[in-house]
Amino acid sequence: MPSRSDKHRKSSPGQRQLRVGEEMRHALARILARGELRDPALQEVSLTVTEVRVAPDLKHATAFVMPLAGRNAADALAGLKRGASFLRMTLAREVKLRNAPSLVFALDESFDRASHIEEILHRPEVARDLGPVTDVTDGDDAA
């Protein structure tokens, strides 16, 4: 029977995964900032690498990116997918790992989700339900 700690390890990334993902995020950001990937879809596009999630075996990684102001996101993502093998090779030189993980790129939709939640919270019916919070205390100190 698996121990409780084994269950926890499977549900959340380990320390090594997080460290490698963060190193890869920084390296990808540097590579993209230098303009080493010369795809036409990425010309004049400023990309932010928000997160890199690495598989437990460190063989696969998903890089979440977002173009500035979300403009031309589909084209930028297509350019990154075309250049994934070049980026993997370049990343392997910057991040010292036994094997360079395969790269998959995805748009970071967390900004859209956050603005959607913000929009919902400002709806009149939700604001009414949330209302001002009043502190209800009992004036009687007897317990």
C-alpha atoms as a PDB file:
ATOM      1  CA  MET A   1       0.000   0.000   0.000  1.00  0.00           C
ATOM      2  CA  PRO A   2       1.471   3.399  -0.972  1.00  0.00           C
ATOM      3  CA  SER A   3       2.323   5.662   1.882  1.00  0.00           C
ATOM      4  CA  ARG A   4       0.763   9.069   2.332  1.00  0.00           C
ATOM      5  CA  SER A   5       3.969  10.767   1.172  1.00  0.00           C
ATOM      6  CA  ASP A   6       3.914   8.736  -2.082  1.00  0.00           C
ATOM      7  CA  LYS A   7       0.432  10.069  -2.846  1.00  0.00           C
ATOM      8  CA  HIS A   8       1.599  13.615  -2.154  1.00  0.00           C
ATOM      9  CA  ARG A   9       4.589  13.279  -4.482  1.00  0.00           C
ATOM     10  CA  LYS A  10       2.390  12.217  -7.381  1.00  0.00           C
ATOM     11  CA  SER A  11      -0.035  15.106  -6.965  1.00  0.00           C
ATOM     12  CA  SER A  12       2.452  17.962  -6.691  1.00  0.00           C
ATOM     13  CA  PRO A  13       5.770  18.565  -8.434  1.00  0.00           C
ATOM     14  CA  GLY A  14       8.922  17.694  -6.573  1.00  0.00           C
ATOM     15  CA  GLN A  15      11.620  20.150  -5.596  1.00  0.00           C
ATOM     16  CA  ARG A  16      13.849  19.037  -8.468  1.00  0.00           C
ATOM     17  CA  GLN A  17      11.042  19.458 -11.017  1.00  0.00           C
ATOM     18  CA  LEU A  18      10.374  22.974  -9.756  1.00  0.00           C
ATOM     19  CA  ARG A  19      14.065  23.921  -9.793  1.00  0.00           C
ATOM     20  CA  VAL A  20      14.644  22.536 -13.302  1.00  0.00           C
ATOM     21  CA  GLY A  21      11.457  24.185 -14.560  1.00  0.00           C
ATOM     22  CA  GLU A  22      12.543  27.546 -13.175  1.00  0.00           C
ATOM     23  CA  GLU A  23      16.032  27.211 -14.681  1.00  0.00           C
ATOM     24  CA  MET A  24      14.476  26.338 -18.024  1.00  0.00           C
ATOM     25  CA  ARG A  25      12.091  29.304 -17.797  1.00  0.00           C
ATOM     26  CA  HIS A  26      14.966  31.726 -17.256  1.00  0.00           C
ATOM     27  CA  ALA A  27      17.051  30.159 -20.040  1.00  0.00           C
ATOM     28  CA  LEU A  28      14.141  30.223 -22.520  1.00  0.00           C
ATOM     29  CA  ALA A  29      13.461  33.861 -21.688  1.00  0.00           C
ATOM     30  CA  ARG A  30      17.128  34.714 -22.370  1.00  0.00           C
ATOM     31  CA  ILE A  31      17.149  32.778 -25.654  1.00  0.00           C
ATOM     32  CA  LEU A  32      13.961  34.444 -26.862  1.00  0.00           C
ATOM     33  CA  ALA A  33      15.147  37.899 -25.751  1.00  0.00           C
ATOM     34  CA  ARG A  34      18.351  37.456 -27.767  1.00  0.00           C
ATOM     35  CA  GLY A  35      16.233  36.693 -30.835  1.00  0.00           C
ATOM     36  CA  GLU A  36      18.029  33.440 -31.604  1.00  0.00           C
ATOM     37  CA  LEU A  37      14.880  31.897 -33.052  1.00  0.00           C
ATOM     38  CA  ARG A  38      14.486  33.623 -36.395  1.00  0.00           C
ATOM     39  CA  ASP A  39      10.948  32.612 -37.265  1.00  0.00           C
ATOM     40  CA  PRO A  40       8.963  35.297 -39.146  1.00  0.00           C
ATOM     41  CA  ALA A  41       6.008  34.840 -36.792  1.00  0.00           C
ATOM     42  CA  LEU A  42       8.237  35.869 -33.872  1.00  0.00           C
ATOM     43  CA  GLN A  43       9.640  39.046 -35.427  1.00  0.00           C
ATOM     44  CA  GLU A  44       8.590  42.144 -33.482  1.00  0.00           C
ATOM     45  CA  VAL A  45       6.883  39.931 -30.853  1.00  0.00           C
ATOM     46  CA  SER A  46       7.819  40.250 -27.207  1.00  0.00           C
ATOM     47  CA  LEU A  47       7.178  36.951 -25.438  1.00  0.00           C
ATOM     48  CA  THR A  48       6.956  36.298 -21.730  1.00  0.00           C
ATOM     49  CA  VAL A  49       7.727  32.788 -20.492  1.00  0.00           C
ATOM     50  CA  THR A  50       5.469  32.578 -17.449  1.00  0.00           C
ATOM     51  CA  GLU A  51       6.119  28.994 -16.366  1.00  0.00           C
ATOM     52  CA  VAL A  52       7.806  25.767 -17.432  1.00  0.00           C
ATOM     53  CA  ARG A  53       6.311  22.562 -16.064  1.00  0.00           C
ATOM     54  CA  VAL A  54       8.603  19.568 -16.186  1.00  0.00           C
ATOM     55  CA  ALA A  55       7.473  15.936 -16.082  1.00  0.00           C
ATOM     56  CA  PRO A  56       8.671  13.882 -13.075  1.00  0.00           C
ATOM     57  CA  ASP A  57      11.135  11.971 -15.290  1.00  0.00           C
ATOM     58  CA  LEU A  58      12.462  15.313 -16.677  1.00  0.00           C
ATOM     59  CA  LYS A  59      11.995  14.069 -20.249  1.00  0.00           C
ATOM     60  CA  HIS A  60       9.132  16.391 -21.215  1.00  0.00           C
ATOM     61  CA  ALA A  61       8.471  20.046 -20.492  1.00  0.00           C
ATOM     62  CA  THR A  62       5.603  22.401 -21.236  1.00  0.00           C
ATOM     63  CA  ALA A  63       6.519  26.070 -21.537  1.00  0.00           C
ATOM     64  CA  PHE A  64       3.674  28.504 -20.967  1.00  0.00           C
ATOM     65  CA  VAL A  65       4.125  31.727 -22.901  1.00  0.00           C
ATOM     66  CA  MET A  66       2.206  34.919 -23.527  1.00  0.00           C
ATOM     67  CA  PRO A  67       2.935  37.572 -26.143  1.00  0.00           C
ATOM     68  CA  LEU A  68       2.823  41.175 -24.982  1.00  0.00           C
ATOM     69  CA  ALA A  69      -0.840  42.247 -24.779  1.00  0.00           C
ATOM     70  CA  GLY A  70      -1.818  38.824 -26.159  1.00  0.00           C
ATOM     71  CA  ARG A  71      -1.392  40.067 -29.761  1.00  0.00           C
ATOM     72  CA  ASN A  72      -0.784  37.460 -32.481  1.00  0.00           C
ATOM     73  CA  ALA A  73      -0.749  34.711 -29.871  1.00  0.00           C
ATOM     74  CA  ALA A  74      -1.660  31.922 -32.310  1.00  0.00           C
ATOM     75  CA  ASP A  75       1.046  32.961 -34.784  1.00  0.00           C
ATOM     76  CA  ALA A  76       3.671  33.246 -32.052  1.00  0.00           C
ATOM     77  CA  LEU A  77       2.733  29.825 -30.689  1.00  0.00           C
ATOM     78  CA  ALA A  78       2.989  28.331 -34.184  1.00  0.00           C
ATOM     79  CA  GLY A  79       6.462  29.886 -34.556  1.00  0.00           C
ATOM     80  CA  LEU A  80       7.578  28.434 -31.250  1.00  0.00           C
ATOM     81  CA  LYS A  81       6.292  24.995 -32.230  1.00  0.00           C
ATOM     82  CA  ARG A  82       8.231  25.168 -35.499  1.00  0.00           C
ATOM     83  CA  GLY A  83      11.381  26.105 -33.590  1.00  0.00           C
ATOM     84  CA  ALA A  84      10.936  23.653 -30.717  1.00  0.00           C
ATOM     85  CA  SER A  85      13.818  21.384 -31.770  1.00  0.00           C
ATOM     86  CA  PHE A  86      16.201  24.358 -32.150  1.00  0.00           C
ATOM     87  CA  LEU A  87      15.095  25.713 -28.765  1.00  0.00           C
ATOM     88  CA  ARG A  88      15.592  22.277 -27.184  1.00  0.00           C
ATOM     89  CA  MET A  89      19.152  22.110 -28.541  1.00  0.00           C
ATOM     90  CA  THR A  90      19.941  25.672 -27.428  1.00  0.00           C
ATOM     91  CA  LEU A  91      18.356  25.055 -24.037  1.00  0.00           C
ATOM     92  CA  ALA A  92      20.485  21.918 -23.580  1.00  0.00           C
ATOM     93  CA  ARG A  93      23.623  24.065 -23.773  1.00  0.00           C
ATOM     94  CA  GLU A  94      22.350  26.502 -21.131  1.00  0.00           C
ATOM     95  CA  VAL A  95      20.716  24.147 -18.624  1.00  0.00           C
ATOM     96  CA  LYS A  96      22.966  21.253 -17.659  1.00  0.00           C
ATOM     97  CA  LEU A  97      20.857  18.104 -17.628  1.00  0.00           C
ATOM     98  CA  ARG A  98      21.645  14.538 -18.592  1.00  0.00           C
ATOM     99  CA  ASN A  99      18.975  14.666 -21.313  1.00  0.00           C
ATOM    100  CA  ALA A 100      17.312  17.747 -22.744  1.00  0.00           C
ATOM    101  CA  PRO A 101      13.539  17.470 -22.297  1.00  0.00           C
ATOM    102  CA  SER A 102      11.254  17.643 -25.300  1.00  0.00           C
ATOM    103  CA  LEU A 103       9.497  21.001 -25.448  1.00  0.00           C
ATOM    104  CA  VAL A 104       5.834  21.732 -25.948  1.00  0.00           C
ATOM    105  CA  PHE A 105       4.546  25.303 -25.972  1.00  0.00           C
ATOM    106  CA  ALA A 106       1.159  26.460 -24.714  1.00  0.00           C
ATOM    107  CA  LEU A 107      -0.471  29.823 -24.205  1.00  0.00           C
ATOM    108  CA  ASP A 108      -0.736  30.915 -20.605  1.00  0.00           C
ATOM    109  CA  GLU A 109      -4.421  31.508 -20.041  1.00  0.00           C
ATOM    110  CA  SER A 110      -4.130  32.375 -16.361  1.00  0.00           C
ATOM    111  CA  PHE A 111      -4.339  36.105 -17.140  1.00  0.00           C
ATOM    112  CA  ASP A 112      -7.615  35.580 -18.997  1.00  0.00           C
ATOM    113  CA  ARG A 113      -8.993  33.481 -16.132  1.00  0.00           C
ATOM    114  CA  ALA A 114      -7.976  36.113 -13.587  1.00  0.00           C
ATOM    115  CA  SER A 115      -9.652  38.926 -15.507  1.00  0.00           C
ATOM    116  CA  HIS A 116     -12.767  36.773 -15.946  1.00  0.00           C
ATOM    117  CA  ILE A 117     -12.940  36.159 -12.183  1.00  0.00           C
ATOM    118  CA  GLU A 118     -12.408  39.877 -11.557  1.00  0.00           C
ATOM    119  CA  GLU A 119     -15.256  40.653 -13.953  1.00  0.00           C
ATOM    120  CA  ILE A 120     -17.564  38.202 -12.160  1.00  0.00           C
ATOM    121  CA  LEU A 121     -16.722  39.661  -8.748  1.00  0.00           C
ATOM    122  CA  HIS A 122     -17.722  43.131  -9.946  1.00  0.00           C
ATOM    123  CA  ARG A 123     -21.160  42.095 -11.218  1.00  0.00           C
ATOM    124  CA  PRO A 124     -23.950  43.788  -9.211  1.00  0.00           C
ATOM    125  CA  GLU A 125     -25.567  40.514  -8.107  1.00  0.00           C
ATOM    126  CA  VAL A 126     -22.256  39.124  -6.848  1.00  0.00           C
ATOM    127  CA  ALA A 127     -21.261  42.390  -5.169  1.00  0.00           C
ATOM    128  CA  ARG A 128     -24.657  42.421  -3.452  1.00  0.00           C
ATOM    129  CA  ASP A 129     -24.123  38.879  -2.172  1.00  0.00           C
ATOM    130  CA  LEU A 130     -20.622  39.672  -0.987  1.00  0.00           C
ATOM    131  CA  GLY A 131     -21.749  42.934   0.596  1.00  0.00           C
ATOM    132  CA  PRO A 132     -19.868  44.645   3.371  1.00  0.00           C
ATOM    133  CA  VAL A 133     -18.658  42.227   6.009  1.00  0.00           C
ATOM    134  CA  THR A 134     -19.755  43.196   9.487  1.00  0.00           C
ATOM    135  CA  ASP A 135     -18.073  41.961  12.622  1.00  0.00           C
ATOM    136  CA  VAL A 136     -20.725  40.305  14.749  1.00  0.00           C
ATOM    137  CA  THR A 137     -19.568  40.136  18.352  1.00  0.00           C
ATOM    138  CA  ASP A 138     -21.510  39.216  21.379  1.00  0.00           C
ATOM    139  CA  GLY A 139     -21.520  42.067  23.887  1.00  0.00           C
ATOM    140  CA  ASP A 140     -21.747  39.551  26.703  1.00  0.00           C
ATOM    141  CA  ASP A 141     -18.326  38.384  27.928  1.00  0.00           C
ATOM    142  CA  ALA A 142     -19.767  35.467  29.864  1.00  0.00           C
ATOM    143  CA  ALA A 143     -18.879  32.125  28.405  1.00  0.00           C
END
